[in-house]
C-alpha atoms as a PDB file:
ATOM      1  CA  MET A   1      45.097  94.029  84.598  1.00  0.00           C
ATOM      2  CA  PRO A   2      47.723  95.777  82.456  1.00  0.00           C
ATOM      3  CA  ARG A   3      46.875  96.694  78.779  1.00  0.00           C
ATOM      4  CA  LYS A   4      49.129  97.169  75.878  1.00  0.00           C
ATOM      5  CA  TYR A   5      48.716 100.042  73.564  1.00  0.00           C
ATOM      6  CA  SER A   6      50.626 101.020  70.423  1.00  0.00           C
ATOM      7  CA  VAL A   7      51.606 104.451  69.238  1.00  0.00           C
ATOM      8  CA  VAL A   8      52.502 105.605  65.841  1.00  0.00           C
ATOM      9  CA  CYS A   9      54.226 109.220  65.575  1.00  0.00           C
ATOM     10  CA  GLU A  10      56.425 111.148  63.271  1.00  0.00           C
ATOM     11  CA  ASP A  11      60.101 110.716  63.191  1.00  0.00           C
ATOM     12  CA  SER A  12      60.712 114.077  64.935  1.00  0.00           C
ATOM     13  CA  LEU A  13      58.575 113.030  67.952  1.00  0.00           C
ATOM     14  CA  ALA A  14      60.170 109.589  68.091  1.00  0.00           C
ATOM     15  CA  ALA A  15      63.554 111.391  68.283  1.00  0.00           C
ATOM     16  CA  ASP A  16      62.353 113.470  71.206  1.00  0.00           C
ATOM     17  CA  ILE A  17      61.140 110.194  72.988  1.00  0.00           C
ATOM     18  CA  GLU A  18      64.387 108.545  72.383  1.00  0.00           C
ATOM     19  CA  ALA A  19      66.375 111.688  73.512  1.00  0.00           C
ATOM     20  CA  LEU A  20      64.329 111.641  76.859  1.00  0.00           C
ATOM     21  CA  ALA A  21      65.009 107.914  77.373  1.00  0.00           C
ATOM     22  CA  ARG A  22      68.716 108.470  77.041  1.00  0.00           C
ATOM     23  CA  GLU A  23      68.741 111.573  79.193  1.00  0.00           C
ATOM     24  CA  TYR A  24      67.067 109.919  82.099  1.00  0.00           C
ATOM     25  CA  ASP A  25      68.347 106.497  81.452  1.00  0.00           C
ATOM     26  CA  ILE A  26      64.909 104.956  81.091  1.00  0.00           C
ATOM     27  CA  SER A  27      63.255 102.878  78.251  1.00  0.00           C
ATOM     28  CA  GLU A  28      61.269 104.432  75.578  1.00  0.00           C
ATOM     29  CA  GLN A  29      58.281 102.552  76.757  1.00  0.00           C
ATOM     30  CA  GLU A  30      58.701 104.183  80.326  1.00  0.00           C
ATOM     31  CA  VAL A  31      59.050 107.684  78.824  1.00  0.00           C
ATOM     32  CA  LEU A  32      55.525 107.059  76.874  1.00  0.00           C
ATOM     33  CA  HIS A  33      54.095 105.655  80.082  1.00  0.00           C
ATOM     34  CA  GLN A  34      55.121 108.691  82.028  1.00  0.00           C
ATOM     35  CA  LEU A  35      54.032 111.332  79.321  1.00  0.00           C
ATOM     36  CA  VAL A  36      50.513 109.716  79.203  1.00  0.00           C
ATOM     37  CA  GLU A  37      50.249 109.656  82.801  1.00  0.00           C
ATOM     38  CA  VAL A  38      51.279 113.386  83.144  1.00  0.00           C
ATOM     39  CA  GLY A  39      49.023 114.313  80.325  1.00  0.00           C
ATOM     40  CA  LEU A  40      46.013 112.599  82.006  1.00  0.00           C
ATOM     41  CA  GLU A  41      46.748 114.168  85.339  1.00  0.00           C
ATOM     42  CA  ALA A  42      46.924 117.642  83.700  1.00  0.00           C
ATOM     43  CA  ARG A  43      43.437 117.081  82.047  1.00  0.00           C
ATOM     44  CA  ASP A  44      41.980 116.724  85.580  1.00  0.00           C
END
């Protein structure tokens, strides 16, 4: 079952997330999802 999380970040990080979303034509939510997924994979 999917869970919903909330992220609070500085304006500069938010701008980076927005830029990635525009660059790849995906939602900011998808950018965050992918960043978390890649980060967790890198941890392993």
